């Protein structure tokens, strides 16, 4: 009996047992995720005010503003405190905490969802490994969020020059629970990796450290040119002035976005999206058509000349395009109106007639962009296996059947990838195209004004309205990001091999 008790595995060792340890460990980790998610909801205050009278006097907060403030704040309401107190220097920190909170929510929900889907067992173990990865990430991000909250309190008190904020005891509970859950998940993951003959990131790095080292310059490039500039997003949430600088300018929250959405935003979004939809759909159709047309030409010199002529407009600048368009459409001396007059007709006042411009802008955009896209599809066609065409030709397939059943299906992956990339910029209009061809003609704004041209007119008239431009850019990026995610999800459900991720 004594020997049996001595050989009884410790609790950590029992986590390796499938019947008791693994199921219980997963259940405990999932319960910890649920509890941590619950404790991070806005109803629980993580930061509270201290020495309120002295703090308000220090900040110069009026009695009216003080009536809008609370004694305790969650991560969600911290930005409201920053806005009402006018302390822009705390705004970026509060936004980072809010983003961390949203990230922890996503990871906790994903962890719980995968725990429910796996039912605590998986035939090959891959599902459980993914569940453990989400669980570990959720706990680590929670630890980072709690540490960041403590850091916010210390940083704010330093900015105040006094002890004005204090951390809630709830943060200690969150920290201890997240660390304990992380250790449990780590133990479960280690046992699962042994069973599945999988190794983690550390072992992968040791094994292929040369390849990771080769990726380092790429990582540095994107860090410097793509990720660090994203800090400028903060312009969208402050009333920027050069005296205070970006970090200390008054925090205004969503005021810049409210200004945008109160300024005929429906018309701007409608024009921007509809034009881009037409450009994407019609552009890809014409690009594929001309690529197939060029690929089927037999005379080499004619093929080269045709490809060059179609591709050449891509290199025409938009300033030169403006001159060409004006020379064609001008009322008194334009080439088109001169032809109409010579034919005995009535000239058309294009620049005072909005009805023509959706078609004209689409025509100009197709003329400039079709050649470039055609080259992309033509490169795909040139890389196709020629034996498929020869076999289909021997079997009696005519040229239209070969295009339909051989060429078009092989162009489908390229089309889908280009479509997803194009949809990412669906809220971004071609500013040069619209501004150079239309200019500041208010009579045409109803059908030609897009978000980019509107923001340009606002910011050029108000040189310090950097926040408006940043707010518009952030809105366009988030909108495009959501569209790409939804499109990729729909494609992955139907054709998983064609999805980007």
Protein backbone atom coordinates (compact mmCIF):
# COMPACT_ATOMS: atom_id res chain seq x y z
CA UNK A 1 0.00 0.00 0.00
CA UNK A 2 2.87 2.30 0.87
CA UNK A 3 4.58 1.44 -2.43
CA UNK A 4 1.38 2.24 -4.34
CA UNK A 5 1.18 5.64 -2.68
CA UNK A 6 4.82 6.33 -3.48
CA UNK A 7 4.32 5.52 -7.17
CA UNK A 8 1.20 7.65 -7.41
CA UNK A 9 1.96 10.36 -10.03
CA UNK A 10 2.05 13.98 -9.02
CA UNK A 11 -0.65 16.34 -10.23
CA UNK A 12 1.58 17.63 -13.03
CA UNK A 13 2.25 14.06 -14.10
CA UNK A 14 -1.44 13.23 -14.13
CA UNK A 15 -1.96 15.89 -16.78
CA UNK A 16 -0.37 13.42 -19.19
CA UNK A 17 -3.12 10.87 -18.55
CA UNK A 18 -5.85 11.07 -21.17
CA UNK A 19 -8.76 9.94 -19.01
CA UNK A 20 -8.25 12.22 -16.03
CA UNK A 21 -5.41 14.65 -16.61
CA UNK A 22 -5.98 15.90 -20.16
CA UNK A 23 -9.73 16.29 -19.91
CA UNK A 24 -9.55 17.92 -16.50
CA UNK A 25 -6.71 20.20 -17.54
CA UNK A 26 -8.54 21.37 -20.66
CA UNK A 27 -11.67 21.93 -18.58
CA UNK A 28 -9.73 23.99 -16.02
CA UNK A 29 -8.05 26.07 -18.74
CA UNK A 30 -11.35 26.70 -20.51
CA UNK A 31 -12.94 27.70 -17.19
CA UNK A 32 -10.05 30.10 -16.56
CA UNK A 33 -10.57 31.67 -20.00
CA UNK A 34 -14.27 32.11 -19.31
CA UNK A 35 -13.61 33.69 -15.90
CA UNK A 36 -10.88 36.00 -17.23
CA UNK A 37 -13.16 37.11 -20.05
CA UNK A 38 -15.95 37.81 -17.56
CA UNK A 39 -13.69 39.82 -15.23
CA UNK A 40 -12.51 42.00 -18.13
CA UNK A 41 -16.01 43.13 -19.08
CA UNK A 42 -16.78 46.89 -18.78
CA UNK A 43 -18.82 46.33 -15.62
CA UNK A 44 -15.60 45.71 -13.64
CA UNK A 45 -13.35 48.68 -12.84
CA UNK A 46 -9.61 48.12 -13.19
CA UNK A 47 -8.51 51.67 -12.32
CA UNK A 48 -9.98 54.03 -9.74
CA UNK A 49 -9.43 57.67 -8.84
CA UNK A 50 -7.63 58.69 -5.64
CA UNK A 51 -7.39 62.11 -3.99
CA UNK A 52 -10.16 63.28 -6.29
CA UNK A 53 -10.37 66.91 -5.12
CA UNK A 54 -6.62 67.46 -5.37
CA UNK A 55 -6.47 65.67 -8.73
CA UNK A 56 -9.23 67.80 -10.26
CA UNK A 57 -7.55 70.93 -8.97
CA UNK A 58 -4.23 69.80 -10.41
CA UNK A 59 -5.77 69.16 -13.83
CA UNK A 60 -7.91 72.29 -13.78
CA UNK A 61 -11.11 70.31 -14.32
CA UNK A 62 -14.26 72.38 -13.94
CA UNK A 63 -17.21 71.37 -11.80
CA UNK A 64 -19.28 70.63 -14.92
CA UNK A 65 -16.62 68.30 -16.36
CA UNK A 66 -16.05 66.68 -12.96
CA UNK A 67 -19.74 65.71 -12.89
CA UNK A 68 -19.17 63.55 -16.00
CA UNK A 69 -16.26 61.62 -14.49
CA UNK A 70 -16.49 58.39 -12.51
CA UNK A 71 -14.55 57.16 -9.52
CA UNK A 72 -13.65 53.89 -11.25
CA UNK A 73 -12.80 53.03 -14.85
CA UNK A 74 -12.59 49.89 -16.93
CA UNK A 75 -10.24 49.62 -19.91
CA UNK A 76 -13.20 50.56 -22.10
CA UNK A 77 -13.97 53.79 -20.26
CA UNK A 78 -10.36 54.98 -19.81
CA UNK A 79 -10.54 56.85 -23.11
CA UNK A 80 -13.57 58.75 -21.82
CA UNK A 81 -11.52 59.88 -18.81
CA UNK A 82 -8.69 60.98 -21.12
CA UNK A 83 -11.12 62.88 -23.34
CA UNK A 84 -12.88 64.69 -20.49
CA UNK A 85 -9.66 65.52 -18.69
CA UNK A 86 -7.99 66.73 -21.91
CA UNK A 87 -4.79 64.76 -21.22
CA UNK A 88 -3.79 63.77 -24.72
CA UNK A 89 -0.52 62.37 -23.40
CA UNK A 90 -2.48 59.44 -21.93
CA UNK A 91 -4.54 58.81 -25.06
CA UNK A 92 -2.17 56.52 -26.96
CA UNK A 93 -1.50 54.40 -23.86
CA UNK A 94 -5.25 54.03 -23.28
CA UNK A 95 -5.81 53.03 -26.91
CA UNK A 96 -3.06 50.40 -26.73
CA UNK A 97 -4.68 48.93 -23.61
CA UNK A 98 -8.04 48.85 -25.38
CA UNK A 99 -6.52 47.03 -28.37
CA UNK A 100 -4.87 44.54 -26.01
CA UNK A 101 -8.22 43.96 -24.33
CA UNK A 102 -9.93 43.30 -27.66
CA UNK A 103 -7.12 40.90 -28.54
CA UNK A 104 -7.53 38.99 -25.26
CA UNK A 105 -11.27 38.76 -25.83
CA UNK A 106 -10.74 37.27 -29.27
CA UNK A 107 -8.20 34.74 -28.00
CA UNK A 108 -10.29 33.71 -24.99
CA UNK A 109 -13.38 33.23 -27.16
CA UNK A 110 -11.36 31.26 -29.73
CA UNK A 111 -9.88 29.10 -26.95
CA UNK A 112 -13.32 28.35 -25.52
CA UNK A 113 -14.74 27.63 -28.97
CA UNK A 114 -11.98 25.20 -29.84
CA UNK A 115 -12.29 23.50 -26.44
CA UNK A 116 -16.00 22.92 -27.09
CA UNK A 117 -15.40 21.74 -30.66
CA UNK A 118 -12.66 19.28 -29.74
CA UNK A 119 -14.76 17.75 -26.96
CA UNK A 120 -11.48 17.17 -25.15
CA UNK A 121 -10.34 14.54 -27.64
CA UNK A 122 -8.95 14.53 -31.16
CA UNK A 123 -7.93 11.65 -33.38
CA UNK A 124 -4.60 13.12 -34.54
CA UNK A 125 -4.03 15.68 -31.81
CA UNK A 126 -3.77 18.61 -34.23
CA UNK A 127 -6.99 20.14 -32.99
CA UNK A 128 -5.84 20.05 -29.39
CA UNK A 129 -2.48 21.59 -30.30
CA UNK A 130 -4.24 24.52 -31.96
CA UNK A 131 -6.46 24.86 -28.92
CA UNK A 132 -3.41 24.98 -26.63
CA UNK A 133 -1.76 27.61 -28.81
CA UNK A 134 -4.82 29.85 -28.55
CA UNK A 135 -5.02 29.22 -24.83
CA UNK A 136 -1.38 30.11 -24.21
CA UNK A 137 -1.67 33.25 -26.32
CA UNK A 138 -4.81 34.31 -24.43
CA UNK A 139 -3.12 33.91 -21.04
CA UNK A 140 0.07 35.68 -22.10
CA UNK A 141 -1.88 38.59 -23.57
CA UNK A 142 -3.90 38.79 -20.35
CA UNK A 143 -0.68 38.99 -18.33
CA UNK A 144 0.55 41.73 -20.67
CA UNK A 145 -2.76 43.59 -20.31
CA UNK A 146 -2.62 43.47 -16.51
CA UNK A 147 1.03 44.59 -16.50
CA UNK A 148 0.11 47.38 -18.91
CA UNK A 149 -2.70 48.49 -16.61
CA UNK A 150 -0.30 48.78 -13.69
CA UNK A 151 2.08 50.67 -15.98
CA UNK A 152 -0.73 53.04 -16.99
CA UNK A 153 -1.42 53.88 -13.34
CA UNK A 154 2.26 54.61 -12.68
CA UNK A 155 2.65 56.64 -15.88
CA UNK A 156 -0.53 58.66 -15.25
CA UNK A 157 0.53 59.48 -11.68
CA UNK A 158 3.88 60.64 -13.01
CA UNK A 159 2.09 62.90 -15.50
CA UNK A 160 -0.20 64.20 -12.74
CA UNK A 161 2.71 64.85 -10.39
CA UNK A 162 0.70 63.16 -7.65
CA UNK A 163 -1.05 59.92 -6.78
CA UNK A 164 -4.30 60.37 -8.68
CA UNK A 165 -5.00 56.83 -9.91
CA UNK A 166 -4.84 53.44 -8.23
CA UNK A 167 -5.06 49.86 -9.52
CA UNK A 168 -7.96 47.63 -8.52
CA UNK A 169 -7.24 44.45 -6.47
CA UNK A 170 -9.03 42.63 -9.29
CA UNK A 171 -5.83 42.90 -11.35
CA UNK A 172 -4.01 40.62 -8.88
CA UNK A 173 -6.71 37.97 -9.31
CA UNK A 174 -6.50 38.24 -13.11
CA UNK A 175 -2.71 37.99 -13.06
CA UNK A 176 -2.59 34.95 -10.77
CA UNK A 177 -5.36 33.15 -12.67
CA UNK A 178 -3.74 33.80 -16.07
CA UNK A 179 -0.32 32.57 -14.91
CA UNK A 180 -1.77 29.41 -13.34
CA UNK A 181 -3.83 28.65 -16.46
CA UNK A 182 -0.78 29.23 -18.67
CA UNK A 183 1.27 26.68 -16.68
CA UNK A 184 -1.53 24.10 -16.98
CA UNK A 185 -1.87 24.65 -20.75
CA UNK A 186 1.91 24.55 -21.18
CA UNK A 187 2.04 21.18 -19.42
CA UNK A 188 -0.81 19.82 -21.53
CA UNK A 189 0.76 21.10 -24.75
CA UNK A 190 4.15 19.54 -23.96
CA UNK A 191 2.56 16.11 -23.44
CA UNK A 192 0.47 16.49 -26.59
CA UNK A 193 3.50 17.44 -28.71
CA UNK A 194 5.29 14.29 -27.56
CA UNK A 195 2.30 12.16 -28.55
CA UNK A 196 1.96 13.89 -31.94
CA UNK A 197 5.73 13.97 -32.60
CA UNK A 198 5.56 17.75 -32.96
CA UNK A 199 8.13 20.29 -31.79
CA UNK A 200 7.59 23.88 -30.78
CA UNK A 201 8.93 27.19 -32.07
CA UNK A 202 12.11 27.08 -30.00
CA UNK A 203 13.18 23.73 -31.43
CA UNK A 204 12.17 24.88 -34.91
CA UNK A 205 14.35 27.97 -34.50
CA UNK A 206 17.32 25.91 -33.32
CA UNK A 207 16.90 23.57 -36.25
CA UNK A 208 16.51 26.23 -38.96
CA UNK A 209 18.18 29.27 -37.41
CA UNK A 210 19.92 30.11 -40.70
CA UNK A 211 16.57 30.45 -42.50
CA UNK A 212 15.19 32.60 -39.69
CA UNK A 213 18.32 34.76 -39.92
CA UNK A 214 17.69 35.23 -43.64
CA UNK A 215 14.17 36.45 -42.82
CA UNK A 216 15.51 39.08 -40.42
CA UNK A 217 16.13 41.82 -43.06
CA UNK A 218 12.58 41.35 -44.36
CA UNK A 219 11.19 41.65 -40.84
CA UNK A 220 13.22 44.81 -40.21
CA UNK A 221 12.05 46.28 -43.52
CA UNK A 222 8.37 45.79 -42.74
CA UNK A 223 8.85 46.92 -39.14
CA UNK A 224 10.43 50.21 -40.20
CA UNK A 225 8.31 50.93 -43.28
CA UNK A 226 4.93 49.38 -42.42
CA UNK A 227 4.42 48.91 -38.69
CA UNK A 228 6.21 51.82 -37.00
CA UNK A 229 4.42 54.42 -39.20
CA UNK A 230 1.11 52.98 -37.95
CA UNK A 231 1.69 54.97 -34.75
CA UNK A 232 0.58 57.97 -36.82
CA UNK A 233 -2.96 56.60 -36.59
CA UNK A 234 -3.09 58.53 -33.31
CA UNK A 235 -3.49 61.74 -35.36
CA UNK A 236 -7.09 60.64 -36.01
CA UNK A 237 -7.97 60.88 -32.33
CA UNK A 238 -6.43 64.23 -31.33
CA UNK A 239 -6.87 67.87 -32.21
CA UNK A 240 -3.30 68.23 -33.37
CA UNK A 241 -1.31 71.41 -32.85
CA UNK A 242 2.41 72.00 -33.22
CA UNK A 243 2.77 73.59 -29.77
CA UNK A 244 1.81 70.38 -27.91
CA UNK A 245 2.97 67.91 -30.53
CA UNK A 246 1.30 64.62 -31.40
CA UNK A 247 1.43 63.00 -27.97
CA UNK A 248 0.28 65.96 -25.86
CA UNK A 249 -2.36 67.42 -28.20
CA UNK A 250 -5.89 67.36 -26.74
CA UNK A 251 -7.53 63.96 -27.11
CA UNK A 252 -10.88 64.29 -28.92
CA UNK A 253 -11.84 60.64 -29.31
CA UNK A 254 -14.12 60.04 -32.30
CA UNK A 255 -14.73 63.72 -33.07
CA UNK A 256 -12.80 63.62 -36.36
CA UNK A 257 -14.80 60.57 -37.46
CA UNK A 258 -18.06 62.28 -36.48
CA UNK A 259 -17.12 65.25 -38.68
CA UNK A 260 -16.47 62.93 -41.62
CA UNK A 261 -19.73 61.02 -41.25
CA UNK A 262 -21.72 64.24 -40.96
CA UNK A 263 -20.33 65.47 -44.29
CA UNK A 264 -22.38 63.64 -46.93
CA UNK A 265 -20.58 60.42 -46.11
CA UNK A 266 -23.29 58.33 -47.74
CA UNK A 267 -22.67 59.92 -51.14
CA UNK A 268 -18.90 59.64 -50.79
CA UNK A 269 -19.01 55.97 -49.80
CA UNK A 270 -21.51 55.20 -52.56
CA UNK A 271 -19.37 56.81 -55.26
CA UNK A 272 -16.11 55.33 -53.99
CA UNK A 273 -17.43 51.78 -53.65
CA UNK A 274 -19.47 51.71 -56.86
CA UNK A 275 -16.63 53.06 -58.97
CA UNK A 276 -14.21 50.53 -57.50
CA UNK A 277 -16.64 47.66 -58.02
CA UNK A 278 -16.99 48.61 -61.70
CA UNK A 279 -13.22 49.05 -62.05
CA UNK A 280 -12.52 45.66 -60.46
CA UNK A 281 -15.19 43.64 -62.31
CA UNK A 282 -14.96 45.26 -65.73
CA UNK A 283 -11.20 45.67 -65.46
CA UNK A 284 -10.55 41.99 -64.77
CA UNK A 285 -12.93 40.91 -67.53
CA UNK A 286 -11.18 43.12 -70.08
CA UNK A 287 -7.73 42.14 -68.85
CA UNK A 288 -8.53 38.45 -69.23
CA UNK A 289 -10.12 39.08 -72.63
CA UNK A 290 -7.12 40.95 -74.04
CA UNK A 291 -4.67 38.48 -72.47
CA UNK A 292 -6.42 35.59 -74.21
CA UNK A 293 -6.66 37.59 -77.42
CA UNK A 294 -2.93 38.39 -77.45
CA UNK A 295 -1.97 34.83 -76.52
CA UNK A 296 -3.87 33.43 -79.51
CA UNK A 297 -2.16 35.65 -82.07
CA UNK A 298 0.08 33.70 -84.42
CA UNK A 299 2.05 36.51 -86.09
CA UNK A 300 4.88 37.38 -83.70
CA UNK A 301 5.38 40.98 -84.88
CA UNK A 302 1.66 41.68 -84.71
CA UNK A 303 1.51 40.11 -81.26
CA UNK A 304 4.37 42.27 -79.99
CA UNK A 305 2.91 45.46 -81.46
CA UNK A 306 -0.56 44.74 -80.08
CA UNK A 307 0.76 43.97 -76.61
CA UNK A 308 2.84 47.16 -76.60
CA UNK A 309 -0.03 49.36 -77.75
CA UNK A 310 -2.37 47.98 -75.10
CA UNK A 311 0.25 48.31 -72.36
CA UNK A 312 1.52 51.79 -73.33
CA UNK A 313 -1.32 53.88 -71.78
CA UNK A 314 -0.28 52.61 -68.33
CA UNK A 315 2.79 54.88 -68.55
CA UNK A 316 0.79 57.99 -69.45
CA UNK A 317 0.75 60.37 -66.47
CA UNK A 318 -2.56 61.61 -65.11
CA UNK A 319 -1.51 65.19 -65.81
CA UNK A 320 -1.13 64.33 -69.49
CA UNK A 321 -4.45 62.46 -69.31
CA UNK A 322 -6.07 65.67 -68.01
CA UNK A 323 -4.78 67.58 -71.03
CA UNK A 324 -6.05 64.88 -73.39
CA UNK A 325 -9.48 64.75 -71.74
CA UNK A 326 -9.84 68.53 -71.78
CA UNK A 327 -8.81 68.66 -75.44
CA UNK A 328 -11.50 66.12 -76.26
CA UNK A 329 -14.38 67.34 -74.07
CA UNK A 330 -14.01 71.15 -73.90
CA UNK A 331 -17.21 72.89 -75.02
CA UNK A 332 -15.90 75.46 -77.49
CA UNK A 333 -12.71 73.96 -78.89
CA UNK A 334 -12.87 70.28 -77.88
CA UNK A 335 -12.36 67.69 -80.61
CA UNK A 336 -15.65 65.90 -79.93
CA UNK A 337 -17.76 69.07 -79.99
CA UNK A 338 -16.01 70.26 -83.16
CA UNK A 339 -16.96 66.99 -84.82
CA UNK A 340 -20.55 67.40 -83.63
CA UNK A 341 -20.71 70.97 -84.95
CA UNK A 342 -19.27 69.92 -88.28
CA UNK A 343 -21.97 67.26 -88.47
CA UNK A 344 -24.70 69.83 -87.81
CA UNK A 345 -25.43 68.72 -84.25
CA UNK A 346 -25.66 70.52 -80.92
CA UNK A 347 -22.46 70.58 -78.84
CA UNK A 348 -22.46 68.82 -75.48
CA UNK A 349 -21.39 70.71 -72.38
CA UNK A 350 -19.59 67.80 -70.73
CA UNK A 351 -18.20 69.80 -67.81
CA UNK A 352 -21.68 70.94 -66.78
CA UNK A 353 -23.45 67.60 -67.38
CA UNK A 354 -22.88 65.04 -64.56
CA UNK A 355 -24.73 62.25 -66.41
CA UNK A 356 -21.79 61.54 -68.76
CA UNK A 357 -19.01 61.32 -66.20
CA UNK A 358 -19.52 57.88 -64.64
CA UNK A 359 -19.05 56.40 -68.11
CA UNK A 360 -16.18 58.74 -69.04
CA UNK A 361 -14.22 58.08 -65.84
CA UNK A 362 -14.72 54.34 -66.26
CA UNK A 363 -13.52 54.59 -69.86
CA UNK A 364 -10.40 56.57 -68.92
CA UNK A 365 -9.56 54.16 -66.09
CA UNK A 366 -9.95 51.11 -68.36
CA UNK A 367 -7.79 52.74 -71.02
CA UNK A 368 -4.97 53.27 -68.53
CA UNK A 369 -5.15 50.10 -66.41
CA UNK A 370 -6.20 47.26 -68.71
CA UNK A 371 -2.74 46.88 -70.25
CA UNK A 372 -0.97 46.33 -66.94
CA UNK A 373 -3.47 43.73 -65.74
CA UNK A 374 -3.36 42.04 -69.14
CA UNK A 375 0.37 41.42 -68.71
CA UNK A 376 -0.25 39.65 -65.38
CA UNK A 377 -2.82 37.30 -66.89
CA UNK A 378 -0.70 36.85 -70.03
CA UNK A 379 2.22 35.70 -67.87
CA UNK A 380 -0.08 33.11 -66.28
CA UNK A 381 -1.20 31.90 -69.71
CA UNK A 382 2.39 31.61 -70.92
CA UNK A 383 3.16 29.38 -67.93
CA UNK A 384 0.41 26.88 -68.71
CA UNK A 385 1.22 23.40 -69.98
CA UNK A 386 1.05 23.45 -73.79
CA UNK A 387 0.45 19.70 -73.94
CA UNK A 388 -3.07 20.22 -72.57
CA UNK A 389 -3.96 22.37 -75.60
CA UNK A 390 -2.43 19.87 -78.00
CA UNK A 391 -4.33 16.98 -76.40
CA UNK A 392 -7.60 18.93 -76.50
CA UNK A 393 -6.94 19.86 -80.13
CA UNK A 394 -6.36 16.20 -81.05
CA UNK A 395 -9.63 15.30 -79.31
CA UNK A 396 -11.47 17.74 -81.57
CA UNK A 397 -11.90 20.74 -79.24
CA UNK A 398 -12.12 24.05 -81.10
CA UNK A 399 -10.42 27.22 -79.92
CA UNK A 400 -13.41 28.42 -77.88
CA UNK A 401 -13.69 25.07 -76.09
CA UNK A 402 -9.97 25.10 -75.31
CA UNK A 403 -10.28 28.58 -73.85
CA UNK A 404 -13.35 27.69 -71.81
CA UNK A 405 -12.31 24.32 -70.43
CA UNK A 406 -8.51 24.65 -70.20
CA UNK A 407 -7.41 28.27 -70.11
CA UNK A 408 -10.11 29.92 -67.97
CA UNK A 409 -10.00 27.33 -65.14
CA UNK A 410 -6.23 27.80 -64.88
CA UNK A 411 -6.68 31.58 -64.75
CA UNK A 412 -9.07 31.24 -61.83
CA UNK A 413 -6.42 31.23 -59.01
CA UNK A 414 -4.77 34.35 -60.44
CA UNK A 415 -8.15 36.07 -60.75
CA UNK A 416 -9.08 35.27 -57.15
CA UNK A 417 -5.76 36.53 -55.75
CA UNK A 418 -5.98 39.77 -57.73
CA UNK A 419 -9.62 40.12 -56.68
CA UNK A 420 -8.78 39.84 -52.97
CA UNK A 421 -5.96 42.36 -53.29
CA UNK A 422 -8.23 44.74 -55.19
CA UNK A 423 -11.00 44.49 -52.62
CA UNK A 424 -8.56 45.58 -49.93
CA UNK A 425 -8.57 49.04 -51.52
CA UNK A 426 -12.27 49.18 -52.36
CA UNK A 427 -12.73 52.23 -50.13
CA UNK A 428 -9.68 53.96 -51.62
CA UNK A 429 -10.40 55.78 -54.83
CA UNK A 430 -7.91 56.61 -57.57
CA UNK A 431 -7.34 60.19 -56.42
CA UNK A 432 -5.23 61.28 -59.40
CA UNK A 433 -7.78 59.97 -61.89
CA UNK A 434 -10.72 61.82 -60.34
CA UNK A 435 -8.88 65.01 -59.38
CA UNK A 436 -7.06 65.48 -62.68
CA UNK A 437 -10.04 64.73 -64.93
CA UNK A 438 -12.70 66.57 -62.90
CA UNK A 439 -10.78 69.04 -60.72
CA UNK A 440 -12.79 71.34 -58.45
CA UNK A 441 -15.91 71.38 -60.59
CA UNK A 442 -18.70 71.49 -57.99
CA UNK A 443 -21.35 70.71 -60.62
CA UNK A 444 -19.92 67.19 -61.00
CA UNK A 445 -19.40 66.36 -57.31
CA UNK A 446 -22.66 64.42 -57.07
CA UNK A 447 -21.35 61.67 -59.36
CA UNK A 448 -17.56 62.14 -59.26
CA UNK A 449 -16.73 63.11 -55.67
CA UNK A 450 -15.08 60.28 -53.74
CA UNK A 451 -13.71 60.10 -50.22
CA UNK A 452 -10.13 60.88 -51.28
CA UNK A 453 -10.99 64.04 -53.22
CA UNK A 454 -13.30 65.28 -50.47
CA UNK A 455 -10.64 64.84 -47.76
CA UNK A 456 -8.10 66.57 -50.00
CA UNK A 457 -10.35 69.63 -50.37
CA UNK A 458 -10.96 69.76 -46.62
CA UNK A 459 -7.32 69.41 -45.63
CA UNK A 460 -6.02 71.83 -48.31
CA UNK A 461 -8.41 74.47 -46.96
CA UNK A 462 -7.48 73.75 -43.33
CA UNK A 463 -3.74 73.03 -43.19
CA UNK A 464 -3.85 71.82 -39.56
CA UNK A 465 -6.72 69.35 -40.09
CA UNK A 466 -4.31 66.41 -40.06
CA UNK A 467 -6.73 64.49 -37.86
CA UNK A 468 -9.41 64.48 -40.55
CA UNK A 469 -7.08 63.00 -43.14
CA UNK A 470 -5.84 60.39 -40.67
CA UNK A 471 -9.40 59.52 -39.66
CA UNK A 472 -10.39 59.05 -43.31
CA UNK A 473 -7.32 56.91 -44.00
CA UNK A 474 -7.98 54.75 -40.93
CA UNK A 475 -11.62 54.29 -41.93
CA UNK A 476 -10.59 53.25 -45.45
CA UNK A 477 -7.99 50.79 -44.15
CA UNK A 478 -10.31 49.17 -41.61
CA UNK A 479 -13.11 48.91 -44.17
CA UNK A 480 -10.79 47.29 -46.72
CA UNK A 481 -9.36 44.96 -44.07
CA UNK A 482 -12.83 43.72 -43.11
CA UNK A 483 -13.78 43.23 -46.78
CA UNK A 484 -10.61 41.18 -47.39
CA UNK A 485 -11.27 39.00 -44.33
CA UNK A 486 -14.88 38.36 -45.34
CA UNK A 487 -13.94 37.65 -48.97
CA UNK A 488 -11.12 35.32 -48.00
CA UNK A 489 -13.43 33.50 -45.55
CA UNK A 490 -16.06 33.00 -48.27
CA UNK A 491 -13.44 31.76 -50.75
CA UNK A 492 -11.90 29.42 -48.16
CA UNK A 493 -15.29 27.83 -47.51
CA UNK A 494 -15.85 27.19 -51.22
CA UNK A 495 -12.32 26.76 -52.62
CA UNK A 496 -9.87 26.34 -49.74
CA UNK A 497 -6.87 26.05 -52.08
CA UNK A 498 -7.46 29.50 -53.55
CA UNK A 499 -7.68 31.43 -50.27
CA UNK A 500 -4.78 33.67 -49.21
CA UNK A 501 -4.82 32.43 -45.62
